[in-house]
Amino acid sequence: MPTAIALTIAGSDSGGGAGIQADLKAMSARGVYGASVITAVTAQNTTSVTAVHEIPADVVAAQIDAVLSDLDVKAIKLGMLFSPAIIDVVADRLSGFSGAIVLDPVMIAKSGDALLQEAAVDTLLRRLMPLATLVTPNLPEAAQMLGTTQATDHETMVAQCKALRDLGPGAVLLKGGHSTGATCTDLLWSDAAPLPLEAARIDTRNTHGTGCTYSSTIAAELAKGAALTDAVTTAHAYLHRAIVASDTLSIGAGHGPVHHFHEVW
């Protein structure tokens, strides 16, 4: 059997809970070999982001070329891309990629710090949305992408899924973690009617890196050959278990990470 390989193109989180570090942990936990392209180096922990250093676009391009020229990558996860220049070079390098692309439009860290320049939002919509097999915004990100208010009910979530789908991606996963209530509902809209994915809301502050973990787990499952709906439902269940187990870790003074290796240790 060939080794399943997924690639994450994202920023580095020095605290280890999100970004490239969370992506590689999730891919490893799902039995997939993870490669990485770093777009930015952040100084961050569980409480804040104190510095962001953008990697030059030509170095990002060189990393992508090095990986794709040698490794048989079946799926790519896109995370923190930070600037129009990086988005443009990623789009150029991936225009001929034949595998799955999971776009996680990372805009704001759990601490509230910006991870995407405001000027880059339009570039992301124009260059990357049409390339994406799946886009995975949370409710605030979807509202920012569409220039509207955050959805607070099922009908508005459905409408925003449709509006995002009209921008070109193959499918949309609108994540409901920022909503209220005892149940958290995500909506997956591909070729069929919107599919709700429900889970009990867990009372924990340890949710740093949930979006990164979700999207990279989906990419890992796609790299193993899973159908899109199966990949999303598997990732949804895995993330829920990782959140449930997060309080068994004691990491930092703020929003701690989910437990990627809850099935191992």
Protein backbone atom coordinates (compact mmCIF):
# COMPACT_ATOMS: atom_id res chain seq x y z
CA MET A 1 0.00 0.00 0.00
CA PRO A 2 1.38 3.46 -0.86
CA THR A 3 1.88 5.84 2.04
CA ALA A 4 -0.91 8.42 2.32
CA ILE A 5 0.65 11.89 2.21
CA ALA A 6 -1.00 15.23 2.95
CA LEU A 7 0.54 18.71 2.80
CA THR A 8 -0.27 21.66 5.04
CA ILE A 9 0.48 25.18 3.85
CA ALA A 10 0.04 27.40 6.88
CA GLY A 11 1.66 29.46 9.63
CA SER A 12 3.74 28.18 12.53
CA ASP A 13 2.38 28.43 16.09
CA SER A 14 5.23 28.52 18.61
CA GLY A 15 2.82 27.36 21.32
CA GLY A 16 2.14 24.18 19.36
CA GLY A 17 -1.66 24.27 19.60
CA ALA A 18 -2.65 25.56 16.17
CA GLY A 19 -1.21 26.13 12.71
CA ILE A 20 1.40 23.83 11.19
CA GLN A 21 1.99 22.11 14.52
CA ALA A 22 -1.69 21.19 15.02
CA ASP A 23 -1.97 20.12 11.39
CA LEU A 24 0.95 17.70 11.59
CA LYS A 25 -0.28 16.30 14.90
CA ALA A 26 -3.75 15.67 13.47
CA MET A 27 -2.39 14.11 10.28
CA SER A 28 -0.10 11.84 12.30
CA ALA A 29 -2.94 10.86 14.63
CA ARG A 30 -4.98 9.81 11.58
CA GLY A 31 -2.18 7.67 10.17
CA VAL A 32 -1.10 10.05 7.40
CA TYR A 33 2.37 11.37 6.61
CA GLY A 34 2.31 15.17 6.85
CA ALA A 35 4.53 17.53 4.88
CA SER A 36 4.57 21.28 5.50
CA VAL A 37 5.07 24.65 3.84
CA ILE A 38 5.43 27.49 6.33
CA THR A 39 3.93 30.84 5.29
CA ALA A 40 4.53 32.80 8.49
CA VAL A 41 6.27 32.40 11.83
CA THR A 42 4.17 33.59 14.74
CA ALA A 43 5.23 34.20 18.32
CA GLN A 44 2.18 32.99 20.20
CA ASN A 45 1.01 30.96 23.14
CA THR A 46 -2.37 30.12 24.65
CA THR A 47 -3.09 33.76 25.52
CA SER A 48 -1.93 35.94 22.61
CA VAL A 49 -0.02 36.45 19.37
CA THR A 50 2.87 38.84 20.04
CA ALA A 51 4.62 38.83 16.64
CA VAL A 52 4.10 37.70 13.05
CA HIS A 53 6.95 37.29 10.56
CA GLU A 54 5.81 36.74 6.97
CA ILE A 55 7.90 34.28 4.97
CA PRO A 56 8.95 35.78 1.60
CA ALA A 57 6.69 34.65 -1.24
CA ASP A 58 9.58 33.18 -3.24
CA VAL A 59 10.56 31.00 -0.27
CA VAL A 60 6.96 29.83 0.07
CA ALA A 61 7.01 28.96 -3.63
CA ALA A 62 10.30 27.08 -3.24
CA GLN A 63 8.89 25.03 -0.37
CA ILE A 64 5.81 24.07 -2.42
CA ASP A 65 7.95 23.14 -5.42
CA ALA A 66 10.29 21.04 -3.27
CA VAL A 67 7.44 19.05 -1.74
CA LEU A 68 5.30 18.53 -4.84
CA SER A 69 8.25 17.63 -7.07
CA ASP A 70 9.16 14.67 -4.86
CA LEU A 71 6.26 13.60 -2.60
CA ASP A 72 3.06 12.01 -3.92
CA VAL A 73 0.73 14.41 -2.13
CA LYS A 74 -2.95 13.45 -2.40
CA ALA A 75 -4.50 16.31 -0.41
CA ILE A 76 -3.49 19.82 0.63
CA LYS A 77 -4.75 21.88 3.56
CA LEU A 78 -4.44 25.67 3.29
CA GLY A 79 -4.39 27.60 6.55
CA MET A 80 -2.86 30.94 7.51
CA LEU A 81 -1.74 32.64 4.29
CA PHE A 82 -1.51 36.17 5.74
CA SER A 83 -0.95 38.39 2.67
CA PRO A 84 -2.02 38.89 -0.97
CA ALA A 85 1.50 38.04 -2.15
CA ILE A 86 1.48 34.66 -0.43
CA ILE A 87 -2.04 33.87 -1.61
CA ASP A 88 -1.06 34.68 -5.19
CA VAL A 89 2.00 32.44 -5.15
CA VAL A 90 0.09 29.57 -3.52
CA ALA A 91 -2.67 29.87 -6.13
CA ASP A 92 -0.12 29.92 -8.94
CA ARG A 93 1.70 26.84 -7.65
CA LEU A 94 -1.49 24.84 -7.01
CA SER A 95 -3.34 25.69 -10.23
CA GLY A 96 -2.40 22.33 -11.75
CA PHE A 97 -2.69 20.20 -8.60
CA SER A 98 -5.01 17.25 -9.20
CA GLY A 99 -5.67 16.23 -5.59
CA ALA A 100 -8.04 17.61 -2.99
CA ILE A 101 -7.57 21.12 -1.57
CA VAL A 102 -9.11 22.00 1.80
CA LEU A 103 -9.18 25.76 2.37
CA ASP A 104 -9.43 26.89 5.99
CA PRO A 105 -9.73 30.70 5.69
CA VAL A 106 -7.78 31.50 8.86
CA MET A 107 -8.42 35.13 9.75
CA ILE A 108 -8.38 35.53 13.53
CA ALA A 109 -6.56 33.59 16.25
CA LYS A 110 -8.43 32.24 19.27
CA SER A 111 -6.90 35.15 21.21
CA GLY A 112 -8.54 37.62 18.80
CA ASP A 113 -5.35 38.58 16.96
CA ALA A 114 -5.52 39.02 13.17
CA LEU A 115 -3.84 36.30 11.08
CA LEU A 116 -4.90 37.57 7.65
CA GLN A 117 -4.32 41.07 6.34
CA GLU A 118 -7.57 42.86 5.50
CA ALA A 119 -6.34 43.49 1.96
CA ALA A 120 -5.85 39.74 1.48
CA VAL A 121 -9.51 38.75 1.87
CA ASP A 122 -10.47 39.72 -1.68
CA THR A 123 -7.40 37.93 -3.08
CA LEU A 124 -8.33 34.79 -1.16
CA LEU A 125 -11.88 34.86 -2.52
CA ARG A 126 -10.77 35.51 -6.08
CA ARG A 127 -7.74 33.21 -6.34
CA LEU A 128 -8.29 30.31 -3.93
CA MET A 129 -12.02 29.74 -3.62
CA PRO A 130 -12.30 28.38 -7.19
CA LEU A 131 -9.42 25.95 -6.50
CA ALA A 132 -10.84 24.56 -3.26
CA THR A 133 -12.44 21.15 -3.02
CA LEU A 134 -13.82 22.28 0.34
CA VAL A 135 -13.78 25.58 2.24
CA THR A 136 -14.21 25.45 6.03
CA PRO A 137 -15.03 28.87 7.53
CA ASN A 138 -16.41 29.38 11.01
CA LEU A 139 -19.33 31.76 11.47
CA PRO A 140 -17.27 34.98 11.92
CA GLU A 141 -15.05 34.09 8.96
CA ALA A 142 -18.05 33.40 6.72
CA ALA A 143 -19.56 36.74 7.66
CA GLN A 144 -16.30 38.55 6.88
CA MET A 145 -15.92 36.75 3.56
CA LEU A 146 -19.46 37.68 2.54
CA GLY A 147 -19.41 41.20 3.98
CA THR A 148 -22.43 40.54 6.18
CA THR A 149 -23.39 39.80 9.78
CA GLN A 150 -22.70 36.53 11.56
CA ALA A 151 -25.39 33.87 11.16
CA THR A 152 -27.40 33.17 14.30
CA ASP A 153 -29.94 30.65 13.00
CA HIS A 154 -30.16 27.62 10.70
CA GLU A 155 -31.80 29.47 7.82
CA THR A 156 -29.08 32.13 7.70
CA MET A 157 -26.37 29.46 7.90
CA VAL A 158 -27.94 27.71 4.89
CA ALA A 159 -28.10 31.00 2.97
CA GLN A 160 -24.46 31.77 3.74
CA CYS A 161 -23.41 28.26 2.70
CA LYS A 162 -25.09 28.84 -0.65
CA ALA A 163 -23.47 32.27 -1.05
CA LEU A 164 -20.04 30.83 -0.31
CA ARG A 165 -20.61 27.93 -2.69
CA ASP A 166 -21.45 30.44 -5.41
CA LEU A 167 -17.91 31.82 -5.06
CA GLY A 168 -16.50 28.67 -6.63
CA PRO A 169 -15.47 25.96 -4.15
CA GLY A 170 -16.65 22.41 -4.65
CA ALA A 171 -18.23 22.28 -1.20
CA VAL A 172 -18.66 24.36 1.96
CA LEU A 173 -18.40 23.30 5.59
CA LEU A 174 -19.79 26.11 7.74
CA LYS A 175 -18.70 25.52 11.34
CA GLY A 176 -21.10 26.46 14.13
CA GLY A 177 -18.73 26.52 17.08
CA HIS A 178 -19.24 30.26 17.61
CA SER A 179 -22.99 29.87 18.01
CA THR A 180 -24.76 29.41 21.35
CA GLY A 181 -26.80 26.59 22.83
CA ALA A 182 -26.18 23.09 24.10
CA THR A 183 -25.69 21.66 20.60
CA CYS A 184 -23.05 22.76 18.10
CA THR A 185 -24.16 22.31 14.48
CA ASP A 186 -21.94 22.43 11.40
CA LEU A 187 -23.39 22.44 7.89
CA LEU A 188 -21.79 20.61 4.97
CA TRP A 189 -23.06 21.64 1.55
CA SER A 190 -21.72 19.76 -1.43
CA ASP A 191 -23.83 18.42 -4.31
CA ALA A 192 -26.70 17.29 -2.11
CA ALA A 193 -28.86 19.19 0.37
CA PRO A 194 -27.05 20.72 3.38
CA LEU A 195 -25.97 18.01 5.81
CA PRO A 196 -26.06 19.00 9.51
CA LEU A 197 -23.34 17.60 11.74
CA GLU A 198 -24.30 17.91 15.39
CA ALA A 199 -22.38 17.43 18.62
CA ALA A 200 -22.94 18.35 22.24
CA ARG A 201 -21.17 21.57 23.15
CA ILE A 202 -18.29 20.85 25.55
CA ASP A 203 -17.76 23.21 28.48
CA THR A 204 -14.01 23.82 28.14
CA ARG A 205 -11.70 26.71 27.36
CA ASN A 206 -9.27 24.36 25.61
CA THR A 207 -10.31 24.97 22.02
CA HIS A 208 -7.13 26.48 20.58
CA GLY A 209 -6.49 25.07 17.11
CA THR A 210 -9.90 23.46 16.57
CA GLY A 211 -10.28 24.87 13.06
CA CYS A 212 -6.76 23.85 12.06
CA THR A 213 -7.30 20.37 13.48
CA TYR A 214 -10.67 19.95 11.74
CA SER A 215 -9.46 20.97 8.28
CA SER A 216 -6.19 19.05 8.45
CA THR A 217 -8.01 15.92 9.61
CA ILE A 218 -10.35 16.24 6.63
CA ALA A 219 -7.32 16.58 4.35
CA ALA A 220 -5.76 13.50 5.97
CA GLU A 221 -8.88 11.43 5.37
CA LEU A 222 -9.07 12.63 1.76
CA ALA A 223 -5.41 11.67 1.31
CA LYS A 224 -6.36 8.15 2.39
CA GLY A 225 -8.97 8.06 -0.36
CA ALA A 226 -12.14 8.78 1.61
CA ALA A 227 -15.12 10.38 -0.08
CA LEU A 228 -15.70 14.02 0.94
CA THR A 229 -18.75 13.38 3.14
CA ASP A 230 -17.02 10.46 4.87
CA ALA A 231 -13.87 12.53 5.41
CA VAL A 232 -15.85 15.37 7.00
CA THR A 233 -17.95 13.14 9.25
CA THR A 234 -14.86 11.22 10.41
CA ALA A 235 -13.02 14.48 11.13
CA HIS A 236 -16.06 15.88 12.96
CA ALA A 237 -16.15 12.86 15.28
CA TYR A 238 -12.37 12.88 15.82
CA LEU A 239 -12.35 16.59 16.71
CA HIS A 240 -15.22 16.15 19.15
CA ARG A 241 -13.31 13.41 20.97
CA ALA A 242 -10.18 15.58 20.99
CA ILE A 243 -12.13 18.44 22.60
CA VAL A 244 -13.71 16.10 25.16
CA ALA A 245 -10.21 14.93 26.13
CA SER A 246 -8.65 18.41 26.12
CA ASP A 247 -9.07 18.95 29.86
CA THR A 248 -6.81 15.97 30.54
CA LEU A 249 -3.97 18.21 29.31
CA SER A 250 -2.57 21.14 31.28
CA ILE A 251 -1.09 23.50 28.70
CA GLY A 252 -0.71 27.24 29.31
CA ALA A 253 -2.83 29.82 31.09
CA GLY A 254 -5.24 30.67 28.29
CA HIS A 255 -7.04 28.70 25.60
CA GLY A 256 -5.24 25.36 25.67
CA PRO A 257 -5.08 22.94 22.72
CA VAL A 258 -7.33 20.01 21.95
CA HIS A 259 -5.85 16.56 22.63
CA HIS A 260 -4.75 15.35 19.19
CA PHE A 261 -3.39 12.08 20.56
CA HIS A 262 -6.29 11.20 22.85
CA GLU A 263 -6.44 7.73 21.30
CA VAL A 264 -2.73 7.10 22.00
CA TRP A 265 -1.85 8.73 25.35
